[in-house]
Amino acid sequence: MPAAVTVCPHPVDTRTPRVPENLTYSLTLPSALASPAVARSAARTILEAHGLDDVTAAAV
């Protein structure tokens, strides 16, 4: 059975400028007490992977 694979762009890929305006991510979380912490952690990790550390505080 073929598996679907999603690949994130390499963090040093320079074809598209890395700016907050051209990033789109979605994450569905359950309504649990831990969900806000998971969302903040995911946002930090995603922004770090794209080299957008300077906007992390505002985004989180």
N, C-alpha and C. Protein backbone atom coordinates (compact mmCIF):
# COMPACT_ATOMS: atom_id res chain seq x y z
N MET A 1 0.85 -1.17 0.00
CA MET A 1 0.00 0.00 0.00
C MET A 1 0.90 1.24 0.00
N PRO A 2 0.75 2.14 -0.97
CA PRO A 2 1.59 3.33 -1.00
C PRO A 2 1.23 4.28 0.15
N ALA A 3 2.24 4.89 0.69
CA ALA A 3 2.04 5.82 1.81
C ALA A 3 2.17 7.25 1.31
N ALA A 4 1.33 8.12 1.80
CA ALA A 4 1.43 9.54 1.47
C ALA A 4 2.52 10.15 2.33
N VAL A 5 3.39 10.92 1.71
CA VAL A 5 4.49 11.53 2.43
C VAL A 5 4.45 13.04 2.21
N THR A 6 4.56 13.78 3.27
CA THR A 6 4.62 15.22 3.20
C THR A 6 6.01 15.64 3.61
N VAL A 7 6.61 16.50 2.81
CA VAL A 7 7.97 16.93 3.09
C VAL A 7 7.98 18.43 3.33
N CYS A 8 8.57 18.84 4.43
CA CYS A 8 8.74 20.26 4.71
C CYS A 8 9.92 20.79 3.90
N PRO A 9 9.87 22.05 3.51
CA PRO A 9 11.01 22.60 2.79
C PRO A 9 12.23 22.66 3.70
N HIS A 10 13.39 22.50 3.09
CA HIS A 10 14.63 22.58 3.85
C HIS A 10 14.78 24.00 4.39
N PRO A 11 15.22 24.17 5.65
CA PRO A 11 15.28 25.51 6.25
C PRO A 11 16.19 26.49 5.52
N VAL A 12 17.14 26.02 4.73
CA VAL A 12 18.00 26.93 3.99
C VAL A 12 17.59 27.06 2.53
N ASP A 13 16.39 26.64 2.22
CA ASP A 13 15.85 26.79 0.87
C ASP A 13 15.61 28.28 0.62
N THR A 14 16.25 28.83 -0.40
CA THR A 14 16.17 30.28 -0.65
C THR A 14 15.27 30.64 -1.82
N ARG A 15 14.52 29.70 -2.34
CA ARG A 15 13.64 30.01 -3.47
C ARG A 15 12.52 30.95 -3.09
N THR A 16 11.98 30.79 -1.91
CA THR A 16 10.89 31.65 -1.44
C THR A 16 11.36 32.36 -0.19
N PRO A 17 11.20 33.67 -0.13
CA PRO A 17 11.63 34.36 1.09
C PRO A 17 10.81 33.89 2.30
N ARG A 18 11.48 33.71 3.42
CA ARG A 18 10.82 33.24 4.63
C ARG A 18 10.29 34.44 5.41
N VAL A 19 9.03 34.71 5.23
CA VAL A 19 8.37 35.79 5.95
C VAL A 19 7.06 35.24 6.50
N PRO A 20 6.56 35.80 7.59
CA PRO A 20 5.33 35.27 8.19
C PRO A 20 4.13 35.30 7.24
N GLU A 21 4.12 36.22 6.30
CA GLU A 21 2.97 36.36 5.40
C GLU A 21 2.80 35.18 4.45
N ASN A 22 3.85 34.42 4.16
CA ASN A 22 3.69 33.32 3.21
C ASN A 22 3.75 31.94 3.87
N LEU A 23 3.53 31.88 5.19
CA LEU A 23 3.47 30.60 5.89
C LEU A 23 2.03 30.25 6.23
N THR A 24 1.67 29.01 6.02
CA THR A 24 0.34 28.54 6.38
C THR A 24 0.45 27.15 7.00
N TYR A 25 0.00 27.03 8.21
CA TYR A 25 -0.01 25.75 8.91
C TYR A 25 -1.35 25.61 9.60
N SER A 26 -1.79 24.37 9.79
CA SER A 26 -3.00 24.14 10.57
C SER A 26 -2.73 22.97 11.51
N LEU A 27 -3.37 23.02 12.65
CA LEU A 27 -3.18 22.00 13.66
C LEU A 27 -4.49 21.85 14.41
N THR A 28 -5.02 20.65 14.44
CA THR A 28 -6.26 20.40 15.16
C THR A 28 -5.92 19.74 16.49
N LEU A 29 -6.38 20.37 17.55
CA LEU A 29 -6.10 19.86 18.89
C LEU A 29 -7.40 19.59 19.64
N PRO A 30 -7.38 18.62 20.54
CA PRO A 30 -8.58 18.36 21.33
C PRO A 30 -8.79 19.46 22.38
N SER A 31 -9.98 19.54 22.90
CA SER A 31 -10.24 20.52 23.96
C SER A 31 -9.80 19.92 25.29
N ALA A 32 -8.49 19.95 25.49
CA ALA A 32 -7.89 19.42 26.71
C ALA A 32 -7.05 20.51 27.35
N LEU A 33 -6.75 20.34 28.61
CA LEU A 33 -5.97 21.34 29.32
C LEU A 33 -4.56 21.52 28.74
N ALA A 34 -4.01 20.49 28.13
CA ALA A 34 -2.66 20.56 27.58
C ALA A 34 -2.61 21.19 26.20
N SER A 35 -3.74 21.38 25.54
CA SER A 35 -3.75 21.86 24.16
C SER A 35 -3.09 23.23 23.96
N PRO A 36 -3.32 24.22 24.82
CA PRO A 36 -2.62 25.51 24.61
C PRO A 36 -1.10 25.37 24.66
N ALA A 37 -0.59 24.54 25.55
CA ALA A 37 0.86 24.34 25.65
C ALA A 37 1.39 23.65 24.40
N VAL A 38 0.64 22.70 23.88
CA VAL A 38 1.04 22.01 22.65
C VAL A 38 1.05 23.00 21.48
N ALA A 39 0.05 23.85 21.40
CA ALA A 39 -0.02 24.84 20.32
C ALA A 39 1.14 25.82 20.39
N ARG A 40 1.48 26.30 21.58
CA ARG A 40 2.61 27.23 21.73
C ARG A 40 3.92 26.55 21.35
N SER A 41 4.11 25.32 21.77
CA SER A 41 5.32 24.58 21.44
C SER A 41 5.43 24.35 19.93
N ALA A 42 4.32 24.00 19.30
CA ALA A 42 4.32 23.78 17.85
C ALA A 42 4.65 25.08 17.12
N ALA A 43 4.08 26.20 17.56
CA ALA A 43 4.35 27.49 16.92
C ALA A 43 5.83 27.85 17.04
N ARG A 44 6.40 27.66 18.22
CA ARG A 44 7.83 27.95 18.40
C ARG A 44 8.69 27.09 17.48
N THR A 45 8.38 25.80 17.42
CA THR A 45 9.16 24.87 16.61
C THR A 45 9.06 25.21 15.13
N ILE A 46 7.86 25.51 14.65
CA ILE A 46 7.66 25.83 13.23
C ILE A 46 8.38 27.12 12.86
N LEU A 47 8.26 28.14 13.69
CA LEU A 47 8.93 29.41 13.40
C LEU A 47 10.45 29.25 13.44
N GLU A 48 10.95 28.48 14.38
CA GLU A 48 12.38 28.22 14.44
C GLU A 48 12.87 27.49 13.20
N ALA A 49 12.09 26.51 12.73
CA ALA A 49 12.47 25.75 11.54
C ALA A 49 12.55 26.63 10.30
N HIS A 50 11.78 27.70 10.27
CA HIS A 50 11.79 28.62 9.14
C HIS A 50 12.70 29.83 9.36
N GLY A 51 13.44 29.83 10.46
CA GLY A 51 14.35 30.93 10.73
C GLY A 51 13.66 32.23 11.08
N LEU A 52 12.49 32.16 11.68
CA LEU A 52 11.72 33.35 12.03
C LEU A 52 11.68 33.55 13.54
N ASP A 53 12.83 33.44 14.16
CA ASP A 53 12.91 33.59 15.62
C ASP A 53 12.49 34.98 16.08
N ASP A 54 12.67 35.99 15.23
CA ASP A 54 12.36 37.36 15.62
C ASP A 54 10.87 37.62 15.79
N VAL A 55 10.00 36.80 15.23
CA VAL A 55 8.55 36.99 15.38
C VAL A 55 7.92 35.98 16.34
N THR A 56 8.74 35.13 16.96
CA THR A 56 8.20 34.08 17.83
C THR A 56 7.39 34.65 18.99
N ALA A 57 7.91 35.64 19.68
CA ALA A 57 7.21 36.18 20.84
C ALA A 57 5.84 36.72 20.46
N ALA A 58 5.75 37.44 19.37
CA ALA A 58 4.47 38.00 18.93
C ALA A 58 3.51 36.91 18.46
N ALA A 59 4.02 35.90 17.80
CA ALA A 59 3.16 34.84 17.26
C ALA A 59 2.63 33.92 18.35
N VAL A 60 3.47 33.63 19.33
CA VAL A 60 3.07 32.72 20.40
C VAL A 60 2.13 33.45 21.35
